[in-house]
Amino acid sequence: MIKWRDKGNRLKHKENYSILDLIADILIWIPEVLLFPIRLLFWGMRGLGRVIGNWLDVW
């Protein structure tokens, strides 16, 4: 029963989203946002290379 009461108290006294939380989120997402297009290009070129390579093997 104590666990349920503690959970209820935490929900009632929910803390606001702080500046430090925002900074941490930004620092975590920056590398992902920057690397995502590079990953897309890499996987796209790799897939295209495989398709072309397989097509050339058929001929």
PDB file of N, CA and C in Angstrom:
ATOM      1  N   MET A   1       0.809  -1.202   0.000  1.00  0.00           N
ATOM      2  CA  MET A   1       0.000   0.000   0.000  1.00  0.00           C
ATOM      3  C   MET A   1       0.852   1.267   0.000  1.00  0.00           C
ATOM      4  N   ILE A   2       2.003   1.192   0.584  1.00  0.00           N
ATOM      5  CA  ILE A   2       2.853   2.375   0.645  1.00  0.00           C
ATOM      6  C   ILE A   2       3.281   2.786  -0.768  1.00  0.00           C
ATOM      7  N   LYS A   3       3.564   1.808  -1.606  1.00  0.00           N
ATOM      8  CA  LYS A   3       3.996   2.117  -2.969  1.00  0.00           C
ATOM      9  C   LYS A   3       2.913   2.879  -3.728  1.00  0.00           C
ATOM     10  N   TRP A   4       1.663   2.472  -3.567  1.00  0.00           N
ATOM     11  CA  TRP A   4       0.574   3.163  -4.262  1.00  0.00           C
ATOM     12  C   TRP A   4       0.445   4.599  -3.781  1.00  0.00           C
ATOM     13  N   ARG A   5       0.585   4.807  -2.486  1.00  0.00           N
ATOM     14  CA  ARG A   5       0.477   6.139  -1.933  1.00  0.00           C
ATOM     15  C   ARG A   5       1.619   7.029  -2.439  1.00  0.00           C
ATOM     16  N   ASP A   6       2.837   6.476  -2.493  1.00  0.00           N
ATOM     17  CA  ASP A   6       3.976   7.246  -2.987  1.00  0.00           C
ATOM     18  C   ASP A   6       3.784   7.629  -4.449  1.00  0.00           C
ATOM     19  N   LYS A   7       3.260   6.704  -5.232  1.00  0.00           N
ATOM     20  CA  LYS A   7       3.029   6.994  -6.645  1.00  0.00           C
ATOM     21  C   LYS A   7       2.007   8.111  -6.791  1.00  0.00           C
ATOM     22  N   GLY A   8       0.971   8.085  -6.001  1.00  0.00           N
ATOM     23  CA  GLY A   8      -0.043   9.138  -6.046  1.00  0.00           C
ATOM     24  C   GLY A   8       0.534  10.481  -5.667  1.00  0.00           C
ATOM     25  N   ASN A   9       1.404  10.512  -4.677  1.00  0.00           N
ATOM     26  CA  ASN A   9       2.026  11.769  -4.263  1.00  0.00           C
ATOM     27  C   ASN A   9       2.928  12.314  -5.356  1.00  0.00           C
ATOM     28  N   ARG A  10       3.657  11.417  -6.038  1.00  0.00           N
ATOM     29  CA  ARG A  10       4.526  11.872  -7.119  1.00  0.00           C
ATOM     30  C   ARG A  10       3.712  12.444  -8.272  1.00  0.00           C
ATOM     31  N   LEU A  11       2.577  11.850  -8.549  1.00  0.00           N
ATOM     32  CA  LEU A  11       1.746  12.353  -9.634  1.00  0.00           C
ATOM     33  C   LEU A  11       1.136  13.708  -9.283  1.00  0.00           C
ATOM     34  N   LYS A  12       0.773  13.893  -8.030  1.00  0.00           N
ATOM     35  CA  LYS A  12       0.184  15.163  -7.615  1.00  0.00           C
ATOM     36  C   LYS A  12       1.215  16.287  -7.615  1.00  0.00           C
ATOM     37  N   HIS A  13       2.436  15.980  -7.224  1.00  0.00           N
ATOM     38  CA  HIS A  13       3.500  16.975  -7.106  1.00  0.00           C
ATOM     39  C   HIS A  13       4.498  16.828  -8.243  1.00  0.00           C
ATOM     40  N   LYS A  14       3.990  16.726  -9.438  1.00  0.00           N
ATOM     41  CA  LYS A  14       4.848  16.525 -10.606  1.00  0.00           C
ATOM     42  C   LYS A  14       5.696  17.769 -10.831  1.00  0.00           C
ATOM     43  N   GLU A  15       6.998  17.540 -11.063  1.00  0.00           N
ATOM     44  CA  GLU A  15       7.901  18.658 -11.291  1.00  0.00           C
ATOM     45  C   GLU A  15       7.776  19.157 -12.719  1.00  0.00           C
ATOM     46  N   ASN A  16       8.048  20.432 -12.899  1.00  0.00           N
ATOM     47  CA  ASN A  16       8.018  21.021 -14.230  1.00  0.00           C
ATOM     48  C   ASN A  16       9.281  20.656 -14.999  1.00  0.00           C
ATOM     49  N   TYR A  17       9.219  20.790 -16.301  1.00  0.00           N
ATOM     50  CA  TYR A  17      10.351  20.542 -17.192  1.00  0.00           C
ATOM     51  C   TYR A  17      11.332  21.687 -17.012  1.00  0.00           C
ATOM     52  N   SER A  18      12.542  21.374 -16.560  1.00  0.00           N
ATOM     53  CA  SER A  18      13.494  22.432 -16.230  1.00  0.00           C
ATOM     54  C   SER A  18      14.409  22.753 -17.416  1.00  0.00           C
ATOM     55  N   ILE A  19      15.158  23.812 -17.254  1.00  0.00           N
ATOM     56  CA  ILE A  19      16.121  24.234 -18.272  1.00  0.00           C
ATOM     57  C   ILE A  19      17.191  23.165 -18.448  1.00  0.00           C
ATOM     58  N   LEU A  20      17.614  22.553 -17.356  1.00  0.00           N
ATOM     59  CA  LEU A  20      18.630  21.501 -17.442  1.00  0.00           C
ATOM     60  C   LEU A  20      18.119  20.297 -18.232  1.00  0.00           C
ATOM     61  N   ASP A  21      16.845  19.971 -18.079  1.00  0.00           N
ATOM     62  CA  ASP A  21      16.253  18.888 -18.864  1.00  0.00           C
ATOM     63  C   ASP A  21      16.273  19.236 -20.353  1.00  0.00           C
ATOM     64  N   LEU A  22      15.952  20.478 -20.672  1.00  0.00           N
ATOM     65  CA  LEU A  22      15.963  20.926 -22.061  1.00  0.00           C
ATOM     66  C   LEU A  22      17.370  20.850 -22.648  1.00  0.00           C
ATOM     67  N   ILE A  23      18.354  21.312 -21.912  1.00  0.00           N
ATOM     68  CA  ILE A  23      19.742  21.274 -22.380  1.00  0.00           C
ATOM     69  C   ILE A  23      20.200  19.837 -22.585  1.00  0.00           C
ATOM     70  N   ALA A  24      19.854  18.965 -21.652  1.00  0.00           N
ATOM     71  CA  ALA A  24      20.234  17.559 -21.785  1.00  0.00           C
ATOM     72  C   ALA A  24      19.587  16.931 -23.020  1.00  0.00           C
ATOM     73  N   ASP A  25      18.330  17.227 -23.253  1.00  0.00           N
ATOM     74  CA  ASP A  25      17.643  16.698 -24.442  1.00  0.00           C
ATOM     75  C   ASP A  25      18.293  17.198 -25.727  1.00  0.00           C
ATOM     76  N   ILE A  26      18.627  18.469 -25.760  1.00  0.00           N
ATOM     77  CA  ILE A  26      19.265  19.039 -26.950  1.00  0.00           C
ATOM     78  C   ILE A  26      20.624  18.388 -27.190  1.00  0.00           C
ATOM     79  N   LEU A  27      21.405  18.226 -26.135  1.00  0.00           N
ATOM     80  CA  LEU A  27      22.732  17.622 -26.280  1.00  0.00           C
ATOM     81  C   LEU A  27      22.653  16.167 -26.728  1.00  0.00           C
ATOM     82  N   ILE A  28      21.603  15.488 -26.353  1.00  0.00           N
ATOM     83  CA  ILE A  28      21.430  14.099 -26.773  1.00  0.00           C
ATOM     84  C   ILE A  28      20.981  14.035 -28.229  1.00  0.00           C
ATOM     85  N   TRP A  29      20.115  14.938 -28.654  1.00  0.00           N
ATOM     86  CA  TRP A  29      19.540  14.883 -30.007  1.00  0.00           C
ATOM     87  C   TRP A  29      20.425  15.465 -31.091  1.00  0.00           C
ATOM     88  N   ILE A  30      21.341  16.379 -30.755  1.00  0.00           N
ATOM     89  CA  ILE A  30      22.189  17.002 -31.782  1.00  0.00           C
ATOM     90  C   ILE A  30      22.977  15.970 -32.583  1.00  0.00           C
ATOM     91  N   PRO A  31      23.680  15.033 -31.952  1.00  0.00           N
ATOM     92  CA  PRO A  31      24.417  14.045 -32.759  1.00  0.00           C
ATOM     93  C   PRO A  31      23.494  13.206 -33.643  1.00  0.00           C
ATOM     94  N   GLU A  32      22.330  12.860 -33.138  1.00  0.00           N
ATOM     95  CA  GLU A  32      21.398  12.060 -33.934  1.00  0.00           C
ATOM     96  C   GLU A  32      20.906  12.823 -35.148  1.00  0.00           C
ATOM     97  N   VAL A  33      20.580  14.081 -34.970  1.00  0.00           N
ATOM     98  CA  VAL A  33      20.072  14.894 -36.083  1.00  0.00           C
ATOM     99  C   VAL A  33      21.160  15.099 -37.128  1.00  0.00           C
ATOM    100  N   LEU A  34      22.395  15.283 -36.695  1.00  0.00           N
ATOM    101  CA  LEU A  34      23.495  15.497 -37.632  1.00  0.00           C
ATOM    102  C   LEU A  34      23.896  14.217 -38.358  1.00  0.00           C
ATOM    103  N   LEU A  35      23.847  13.091 -37.683  1.00  0.00           N
ATOM    104  CA  LEU A  35      24.300  11.837 -38.286  1.00  0.00           C
ATOM    105  C   LEU A  35      23.229  11.138 -39.115  1.00  0.00           C
ATOM    106  N   PHE A  36      21.973  11.443 -38.907  1.00  0.00           N
ATOM    107  CA  PHE A  36      20.896  10.759 -39.626  1.00  0.00           C
ATOM    108  C   PHE A  36      20.999  10.910 -41.142  1.00  0.00           C
ATOM    109  N   PRO A  37      21.204  12.131 -41.679  1.00  0.00           N
ATOM    110  CA  PRO A  37      21.335  12.238 -43.145  1.00  0.00           C
ATOM    111  C   PRO A  37      22.549  11.491 -43.686  1.00  0.00           C
ATOM    112  N   ILE A  38      23.638  11.485 -42.931  1.00  0.00           N
ATOM    113  CA  ILE A  38      24.837  10.761 -43.359  1.00  0.00           C
ATOM    114  C   ILE A  38      24.545   9.269 -43.405  1.00  0.00           C
ATOM    115  N   ARG A  39      23.843   8.761 -42.409  1.00  0.00           N
ATOM    116  CA  ARG A  39      23.468   7.346 -42.408  1.00  0.00           C
ATOM    117  C   ARG A  39      22.569   7.010 -43.588  1.00  0.00           C
ATOM    118  N   LEU A  40      21.598   7.884 -43.871  1.00  0.00           N
ATOM    119  CA  LEU A  40      20.711   7.649 -45.014  1.00  0.00           C
ATOM    120  C   LEU A  40      21.490   7.579 -46.319  1.00  0.00           C
ATOM    121  N   LEU A  41      22.420   8.507 -46.517  1.00  0.00           N
ATOM    122  CA  LEU A  41      23.238   8.480 -47.731  1.00  0.00           C
ATOM    123  C   LEU A  41      24.088   7.211 -47.800  1.00  0.00           C
ATOM    124  N   PHE A  42      24.689   6.846 -46.688  1.00  0.00           N
ATOM    125  CA  PHE A  42      25.535   5.659 -46.654  1.00  0.00           C
ATOM    126  C   PHE A  42      24.748   4.406 -47.007  1.00  0.00           C
ATOM    127  N   TRP A  43      23.604   4.196 -46.358  1.00  0.00           N
ATOM    128  CA  TRP A  43      22.808   2.994 -46.621  1.00  0.00           C
ATOM    129  C   TRP A  43      22.200   3.021 -48.015  1.00  0.00           C
ATOM    130  N   GLY A  44      21.820   4.213 -48.492  1.00  0.00           N
ATOM    131  CA  GLY A  44      21.276   4.323 -49.842  1.00  0.00           C
ATOM    132  C   GLY A  44      22.315   3.980 -50.901  1.00  0.00           C
ATOM    133  N   MET A  45      23.519   4.524 -50.752  1.00  0.00           N
ATOM    134  CA  MET A  45      24.592   4.230 -51.708  1.00  0.00           C
ATOM    135  C   MET A  45      24.994   2.757 -51.647  1.00  0.00           C
ATOM    136  N   ARG A  46      25.012   2.219 -50.450  1.00  0.00           N
ATOM    137  CA  ARG A  46      25.360   0.803 -50.304  1.00  0.00           C
ATOM    138  C   ARG A  46      24.323  -0.086 -50.991  1.00  0.00           C
ATOM    139  N   GLY A  47      23.046   0.238 -50.781  1.00  0.00           N
ATOM    140  CA  GLY A  47      21.982  -0.539 -51.422  1.00  0.00           C
ATOM    141  C   GLY A  47      22.014  -0.396 -52.930  1.00  0.00           C
ATOM    142  N   LEU A  48      22.233   0.831 -53.405  1.00  0.00           N
ATOM    143  CA  LEU A  48      22.324   1.064 -54.843  1.00  0.00           C
ATOM    144  C   LEU A  48      23.513   0.322 -55.440  1.00  0.00           C
ATOM    145  N   GLY A  49      24.631   0.315 -54.742  1.00  0.00           N
ATOM    146  CA  GLY A  49      25.811  -0.423 -55.204  1.00  0.00           C
ATOM    147  C   GLY A  49      25.539  -1.917 -55.301  1.00  0.00           C
ATOM    148  N   ARG A  50      24.815  -2.444 -54.358  1.00  0.00           N
ATOM    149  CA  ARG A  50      24.476  -3.876 -54.412  1.00  0.00           C
ATOM    150  C   ARG A  50      23.560  -4.188 -55.580  1.00  0.00           C
ATOM    151  N   VAL A  51      22.571  -3.309 -55.815  1.00  0.00           N
ATOM    152  CA  VAL A  51      21.646  -3.522 -56.934  1.00  0.00           C
ATOM    153  C   VAL A  51      22.400  -3.478 -58.249  1.00  0.00           C
ATOM    154  N   ILE A  52      23.253  -2.478 -58.419  1.00  0.00           N
ATOM    155  CA  ILE A  52      24.026  -2.357 -59.653  1.00  0.00           C
ATOM    156  C   ILE A  52      24.985  -3.532 -59.793  1.00  0.00           C
ATOM    157  N   GLY A  53      25.628  -3.922 -58.700  1.00  0.00           N
ATOM    158  CA  GLY A  53      26.540  -5.062 -58.739  1.00  0.00           C
ATOM    159  C   GLY A  53      25.838  -6.343 -59.129  1.00  0.00           C
ATOM    160  N   ASN A  54      24.656  -6.576 -58.583  1.00  0.00           N
ATOM    161  CA  ASN A  54      23.893  -7.774 -58.937  1.00  0.00           C
ATOM    162  C   ASN A  54      23.424  -7.709 -60.384  1.00  0.00           C
ATOM    163  N   TRP A  55      23.060  -6.525 -60.839  1.00  0.00           N
ATOM    164  CA  TRP A  55      22.607  -6.364 -62.218  1.00  0.00           C
ATOM    165  C   TRP A  55      23.755  -6.644 -63.202  1.00  0.00           C
ATOM    166  N   LEU A  56      24.969  -6.194 -62.824  1.00  0.00           N
ATOM    167  CA  LEU A  56      26.125  -6.433 -63.703  1.00  0.00           C
ATOM    168  C   LEU A  56      26.509  -7.909 -63.714  1.00  0.00           C
ATOM    169  N   ASP A  57      26.308  -8.603 -62.611  1.00  0.00           N
ATOM    170  CA  ASP A  57      26.617 -10.038 -62.558  1.00  0.00           C
ATOM    171  C   ASP A  57      25.681 -10.838 -63.468  1.00  0.00           C
ATOM    172  N   VAL A  58      24.457 -10.392 -63.630  1.00  0.00           N
ATOM    173  CA  VAL A  58      23.497 -11.082 -64.470  1.00  0.00           C
ATOM    174  C   VAL A  58      23.922 -10.998 -65.925  1.00  0.00           C
ATOM    175  N   TRP A  59      24.449  -9.845 -66.343  1.00  0.00           N
ATOM    176  CA  TRP A  59      24.867  -9.659 -67.722  1.00  0.00           C
ATOM    177  C   TRP A  59      26.167 -10.357 -67.899  1.00  0.00           C
TER     178      TRP A  59
END
